[in-house]
Amino acid sequence: MSSDVHWQKSSFSGGGGDEDCLEISATPATLHLRESDTPDAILSPTPAALNALLTAVKRR
C-alpha cells in the first residue's frame, strides 16, 4: 500500500493507558482498516463484508 494513504483514528481514541484503536483510510475505490498496534496488517473488505461487520457491531 502506498505511503501517501492518510490514516484516521476515531475521536474516541486516546486518553487513558490504552492507545490501541481502529484506524481507517479510504482511496477512491477501497476502504482500508488497520489496528494501530499492528499497522502492517491492513484489511480492505469488500462492501458486502464491511456491511456484514457493521451490521453485527450495531446489534451489540
PDB file of N, CA and C in Angstrom:
ATOM      1  N   MET A   1       0.857  -1.171   0.000  1.00  0.00           N
ATOM      2  CA  MET A   1       0.000   0.000   0.000  1.00  0.00           C
ATOM      3  C   MET A   1       0.895   1.223   0.000  1.00  0.00           C
ATOM      4  N   SER A   2       0.488   2.221  -0.713  1.00  0.00           N
ATOM      5  CA  SER A   2       1.328   3.411  -0.840  1.00  0.00           C
ATOM      6  C   SER A   2       1.423   4.169   0.478  1.00  0.00           C
ATOM      7  N   SER A   3       2.534   4.839   0.664  1.00  0.00           N
ATOM      8  CA  SER A   3       2.767   5.574   1.911  1.00  0.00           C
ATOM      9  C   SER A   3       2.000   6.882   1.971  1.00  0.00           C
ATOM     10  N   ASP A   4       1.360   7.297   0.880  1.00  0.00           N
ATOM     11  CA  ASP A   4       0.617   8.555   0.888  1.00  0.00           C
ATOM     12  C   ASP A   4      -0.829   8.391   1.360  1.00  0.00           C
ATOM     13  N   VAL A   5      -1.184   7.181   1.816  1.00  0.00           N
ATOM     14  CA  VAL A   5      -2.512   6.941   2.359  1.00  0.00           C
ATOM     15  C   VAL A   5      -2.612   7.633   3.711  1.00  0.00           C
ATOM     16  N   HIS A   6      -3.686   8.376   3.917  1.00  0.00           N
ATOM     17  CA  HIS A   6      -3.895   9.098   5.174  1.00  0.00           C
ATOM     18  C   HIS A   6      -4.779   8.271   6.103  1.00  0.00           C
ATOM     19  N   TRP A   7      -4.228   7.893   7.250  1.00  0.00           N
ATOM     20  CA  TRP A   7      -4.964   7.096   8.228  1.00  0.00           C
ATOM     21  C   TRP A   7      -5.584   8.017   9.264  1.00  0.00           C
ATOM     22  N   GLN A   8      -6.815   7.704   9.676  1.00  0.00           N
ATOM     23  CA  GLN A   8      -7.509   8.484  10.691  1.00  0.00           C
ATOM     24  C   GLN A   8      -7.888   7.590  11.858  1.00  0.00           C
ATOM     25  N   LYS A   9      -7.735   8.126  13.071  1.00  0.00           N
ATOM     26  CA  LYS A   9      -8.174   7.428  14.272  1.00  0.00           C
ATOM     27  C   LYS A   9      -9.508   8.005  14.706  1.00  0.00           C
ATOM     28  N   SER A  10     -10.243   7.222  15.402  1.00  0.00           N
ATOM     29  CA  SER A  10     -11.517   7.675  15.944  1.00  0.00           C
ATOM     30  C   SER A  10     -11.286   8.800  16.941  1.00  0.00           C
ATOM     31  N   SER A  11     -12.239   9.704  17.030  1.00  0.00           N
ATOM     32  CA  SER A  11     -12.148  10.777  18.027  1.00  0.00           C
ATOM     33  C   SER A  11     -12.279  10.213  19.437  1.00  0.00           C
ATOM     34  N   PHE A  12     -12.710   8.972  19.569  1.00  0.00           N
ATOM     35  CA  PHE A  12     -12.822   8.327  20.873  1.00  0.00           C
ATOM     36  C   PHE A  12     -11.501   7.698  21.311  1.00  0.00           C
ATOM     37  N   SER A  13     -10.501   7.674  20.434  1.00  0.00           N
ATOM     38  CA  SER A  13      -9.205   7.083  20.757  1.00  0.00           C
ATOM     39  C   SER A  13      -8.375   8.033  21.602  1.00  0.00           C
ATOM     40  N   GLY A  14      -7.433   7.475  22.303  1.00  0.00           N
ATOM     41  CA  GLY A  14      -6.522   8.285  23.107  1.00  0.00           C
ATOM     42  C   GLY A  14      -7.041   8.446  24.527  1.00  0.00           C
ATOM     43  N   GLY A  15      -6.168   8.887  25.351  1.00  0.00           N
ATOM     44  CA  GLY A  15      -6.531   9.047  26.754  1.00  0.00           C
ATOM     45  C   GLY A  15      -6.431   7.724  27.475  1.00  0.00           C
ATOM     46  N   GLY A  16      -6.140   7.770  28.721  1.00  0.00           N
ATOM     47  CA  GLY A  16      -6.008   6.548  29.491  1.00  0.00           C
ATOM     48  C   GLY A  16      -4.770   5.772  29.072  1.00  0.00           C
ATOM     49  N   GLY A  17      -4.657   4.567  29.554  1.00  0.00           N
ATOM     50  CA  GLY A  17      -3.491   3.756  29.258  1.00  0.00           C
ATOM     51  C   GLY A  17      -3.593   2.970  27.968  1.00  0.00           C
ATOM     52  N   ASP A  18      -4.783   2.870  27.404  1.00  0.00           N
ATOM     53  CA  ASP A  18      -4.983   2.060  26.202  1.00  0.00           C
ATOM     54  C   ASP A  18      -5.044   2.955  24.981  1.00  0.00           C
ATOM     55  N   GLU A  19      -3.981   2.936  24.178  1.00  0.00           N
ATOM     56  CA  GLU A  19      -3.909   3.786  22.988  1.00  0.00           C
ATOM     57  C   GLU A  19      -4.243   3.024  21.706  1.00  0.00           C
ATOM     58  N   ASP A  20      -4.532   1.709  21.808  1.00  0.00           N
ATOM     59  CA  ASP A  20      -4.832   0.919  20.627  1.00  0.00           C
ATOM     60  C   ASP A  20      -6.213   1.275  20.094  1.00  0.00           C
ATOM     61  N   CYS A  21      -6.322   1.368  18.791  1.00  0.00           N
ATOM     62  CA  CYS A  21      -7.618   1.682  18.204  1.00  0.00           C
ATOM     63  C   CYS A  21      -7.651   1.247  16.748  1.00  0.00           C
ATOM     64  N   LEU A  22      -8.826   1.292  16.175  1.00  0.00           N
ATOM     65  CA  LEU A  22      -9.009   1.012  14.764  1.00  0.00           C
ATOM     66  C   LEU A  22      -8.767   2.288  13.988  1.00  0.00           C
ATOM     67  N   GLU A  23      -8.003   2.179  12.903  1.00  0.00           N
ATOM     68  CA  GLU A  23      -7.752   3.312  12.016  1.00  0.00           C
ATOM     69  C   GLU A  23      -8.388   3.010  10.676  1.00  0.00           C
ATOM     70  N   ILE A  24      -8.796   4.055   9.971  1.00  0.00           N
ATOM     71  CA  ILE A  24      -9.480   3.907   8.693  1.00  0.00           C
ATOM     72  C   ILE A  24      -8.845   4.822   7.657  1.00  0.00           C
ATOM     73  N   SER A  25      -8.824   4.366   6.432  1.00  0.00           N
ATOM     74  CA  SER A  25      -8.324   5.156   5.315  1.00  0.00           C
ATOM     75  C   SER A  25      -9.161   4.801   4.096  1.00  0.00           C
ATOM     76  N   ALA A  26      -9.351   5.754   3.231  1.00  0.00           N
ATOM     77  CA  ALA A  26     -10.134   5.492   2.023  1.00  0.00           C
ATOM     78  C   ALA A  26      -9.404   5.988   0.792  1.00  0.00           C
ATOM     79  N   THR A  27      -9.430   5.177  -0.231  1.00  0.00           N
ATOM     80  CA  THR A  27      -8.986   5.585  -1.551  1.00  0.00           C
ATOM     81  C   THR A  27     -10.259   5.673  -2.394  1.00  0.00           C
ATOM     82  N   PRO A  28     -10.200   6.183  -3.594  1.00  0.00           N
ATOM     83  CA  PRO A  28     -11.439   6.318  -4.373  1.00  0.00           C
ATOM     84  C   PRO A  28     -12.241   5.019  -4.520  1.00  0.00           C
ATOM     85  N   ALA A  29     -11.581   3.889  -4.541  1.00  0.00           N
ATOM     86  CA  ALA A  29     -12.301   2.638  -4.775  1.00  0.00           C
ATOM     87  C   ALA A  29     -12.373   1.699  -3.576  1.00  0.00           C
ATOM     88  N   THR A  30     -11.599   1.964  -2.522  1.00  0.00           N
ATOM     89  CA  THR A  30     -11.473   0.983  -1.445  1.00  0.00           C
ATOM     90  C   THR A  30     -11.374   1.651  -0.076  1.00  0.00           C
ATOM     91  N   LEU A  31     -11.947   0.984   0.902  1.00  0.00           N
ATOM     92  CA  LEU A  31     -11.817   1.393   2.294  1.00  0.00           C
ATOM     93  C   LEU A  31     -10.807   0.447   2.939  1.00  0.00           C
ATOM     94  N   HIS A  32      -9.886   0.988   3.733  1.00  0.00           N
ATOM     95  CA  HIS A  32      -8.860   0.184   4.388  1.00  0.00           C
ATOM     96  C   HIS A  32      -8.995   0.339   5.895  1.00  0.00           C
ATOM     97  N   LEU A  33      -8.778  -0.760   6.618  1.00  0.00           N
ATOM     98  CA  LEU A  33      -8.841  -0.778   8.078  1.00  0.00           C
ATOM     99  C   LEU A  33      -7.557  -1.382   8.620  1.00  0.00           C
ATOM    100  N   ARG A  34      -7.111  -0.873   9.760  1.00  0.00           N
ATOM    101  CA  ARG A  34      -5.966  -1.471  10.448  1.00  0.00           C
ATOM    102  C   ARG A  34      -6.075  -1.149  11.928  1.00  0.00           C
ATOM    103  N   GLU A  35      -5.396  -1.930  12.732  1.00  0.00           N
ATOM    104  CA  GLU A  35      -5.337  -1.687  14.160  1.00  0.00           C
ATOM    105  C   GLU A  35      -4.042  -0.928  14.430  1.00  0.00           C
ATOM    106  N   SER A  36      -4.104   0.078  15.272  1.00  0.00           N
ATOM    107  CA  SER A  36      -2.944   0.948  15.470  1.00  0.00           C
ATOM    108  C   SER A  36      -1.725   0.206  16.015  1.00  0.00           C
ATOM    109  N   ASP A  37      -1.929  -0.868  16.776  1.00  0.00           N
ATOM    110  CA  ASP A  37      -0.770  -1.582  17.323  1.00  0.00           C
ATOM    111  C   ASP A  37      -0.181  -2.588  16.333  1.00  0.00           C
ATOM    112  N   THR A  38      -0.846  -2.837  15.193  1.00  0.00           N
ATOM    113  CA  THR A  38      -0.311  -3.687  14.131  1.00  0.00           C
ATOM    114  C   THR A  38      -0.562  -3.009  12.778  1.00  0.00           C
ATOM    115  N   PRO A  39       0.123  -1.894  12.509  1.00  0.00           N
ATOM    116  CA  PRO A  39      -0.171  -1.103  11.313  1.00  0.00           C
ATOM    117  C   PRO A  39       0.153  -1.782   9.982  1.00  0.00           C
ATOM    118  N   ASP A  40       0.941  -2.852   9.999  1.00  0.00           N
ATOM    119  CA  ASP A  40       1.260  -3.544   8.747  1.00  0.00           C
ATOM    120  C   ASP A  40       0.175  -4.525   8.328  1.00  0.00           C
ATOM    121  N   ALA A  41      -0.755  -4.843   9.236  1.00  0.00           N
ATOM    122  CA  ALA A  41      -1.860  -5.754   8.931  1.00  0.00           C
ATOM    123  C   ALA A  41      -3.066  -4.923   8.504  1.00  0.00           C
ATOM    124  N   ILE A  42      -3.226  -4.776   7.203  1.00  0.00           N
ATOM    125  CA  ILE A  42      -4.274  -3.924   6.647  1.00  0.00           C
ATOM    126  C   ILE A  42      -5.359  -4.782   6.015  1.00  0.00           C
ATOM    127  N   LEU A  43      -6.607  -4.490   6.359  1.00  0.00           N
ATOM    128  CA  LEU A  43      -7.751  -5.169   5.762  1.00  0.00           C
ATOM    129  C   LEU A  43      -8.419  -4.232   4.772  1.00  0.00           C
ATOM    130  N   SER A  44      -8.808  -4.764   3.641  1.00  0.00           N
ATOM    131  CA  SER A  44      -9.535  -3.999   2.630  1.00  0.00           C
ATOM    132  C   SER A  44     -10.793  -4.787   2.276  1.00  0.00           C
ATOM    133  N   PRO A  45     -11.812  -4.697   3.133  1.00  0.00           N
ATOM    134  CA  PRO A  45     -13.003  -5.531   2.945  1.00  0.00           C
ATOM    135  C   PRO A  45     -13.820  -5.125   1.723  1.00  0.00           C
ATOM    136  N   THR A  46     -14.527  -6.096   1.176  1.00  0.00           N
ATOM    137  CA  THR A  46     -15.480  -5.799   0.107  1.00  0.00           C
ATOM    138  C   THR A  46     -16.648  -5.036   0.731  1.00  0.00           C
ATOM    139  N   PRO A  47     -17.417  -4.330  -0.056  1.00  0.00           N
ATOM    140  CA  PRO A  47     -18.590  -3.643   0.506  1.00  0.00           C
ATOM    141  C   PRO A  47     -19.531  -4.589   1.256  1.00  0.00           C
ATOM    142  N   ALA A  48     -19.737  -5.794   0.740  1.00  0.00           N
ATOM    143  CA  ALA A  48     -20.621  -6.759   1.412  1.00  0.00           C
ATOM    144  C   ALA A  48     -20.054  -7.189   2.767  1.00  0.00           C
ATOM    145  N   ALA A  49     -18.748  -7.443   2.821  1.00  0.00           N
ATOM    146  CA  ALA A  49     -18.121  -7.846   4.080  1.00  0.00           C
ATOM    147  C   ALA A  49     -18.152  -6.713   5.099  1.00  0.00           C
ATOM    148  N   LEU A  50     -17.909  -5.494   4.653  1.00  0.00           N
ATOM    149  CA  LEU A  50     -17.955  -4.350   5.562  1.00  0.00           C
ATOM    150  C   LEU A  50     -19.371  -4.145   6.076  1.00  0.00           C
ATOM    151  N   ASN A  51     -20.356  -4.296   5.223  1.00  0.00           N
ATOM    152  CA  ASN A  51     -21.747  -4.173   5.641  1.00  0.00           C
ATOM    153  C   ASN A  51     -22.090  -5.226   6.701  1.00  0.00           C
ATOM    154  N   ALA A  52     -21.636  -6.450   6.500  1.00  0.00           N
ATOM    155  CA  ALA A  52     -21.878  -7.515   7.480  1.00  0.00           C
ATOM    156  C   ALA A  52     -21.215  -7.189   8.816  1.00  0.00           C
ATOM    157  N   LEU A  53     -19.991  -6.679   8.782  1.00  0.00           N
ATOM    158  CA  LEU A  53     -19.295  -6.299  10.014  1.00  0.00           C
ATOM    159  C   LEU A  53     -20.050  -5.193  10.745  1.00  0.00           C
ATOM    160  N   LEU A  54     -20.423  -4.150  10.035  1.00  0.00           N
ATOM    161  CA  LEU A  54     -21.126  -3.033  10.683  1.00  0.00           C
ATOM    162  C   LEU A  54     -22.491  -3.442  11.216  1.00  0.00           C
ATOM    163  N   THR A  55     -23.178  -4.318  10.498  1.00  0.00           N
ATOM    164  CA  THR A  55     -24.473  -4.820  10.960  1.00  0.00           C
ATOM    165  C   THR A  55     -24.289  -5.595  12.260  1.00  0.00           C
ATOM    166  N   ALA A  56     -23.274  -6.442  12.324  1.00  0.00           N
ATOM    167  CA  ALA A  56     -23.010  -7.224  13.531  1.00  0.00           C
ATOM    168  C   ALA A  56     -22.636  -6.324  14.711  1.00  0.00           C
ATOM    169  N   VAL A  57     -21.838  -5.310  14.453  1.00  0.00           N
ATOM    170  CA  VAL A  57     -21.420  -4.401  15.527  1.00  0.00           C
ATOM    171  C   VAL A  57     -22.625  -3.615  16.062  1.00  0.00           C
ATOM    172  N   LYS A  58     -23.504  -3.192  15.183  1.00  0.00           N
ATOM    173  CA  LYS A  58     -24.685  -2.429  15.605  1.00  0.00           C
ATOM    174  C   LYS A  58     -25.632  -3.256  16.458  1.00  0.00           C
ATOM    175  N   ARG A  59     -25.641  -4.546  16.269  1.00  0.00           N
ATOM    176  CA  ARG A  59     -26.525  -5.433  17.050  1.00  0.00           C
ATOM    177  C   ARG A  59     -26.073  -5.582  18.495  1.00  0.00           C
ATOM    178  N   ARG A  60     -24.851  -5.274  18.790  1.00  0.00           N
ATOM    179  CA  ARG A  60     -24.324  -5.473  20.154  1.00  0.00           C
ATOM    180  C   ARG A  60     -24.633  -4.317  21.030  1.00  0.00           C
TER     181      ARG A  60
END
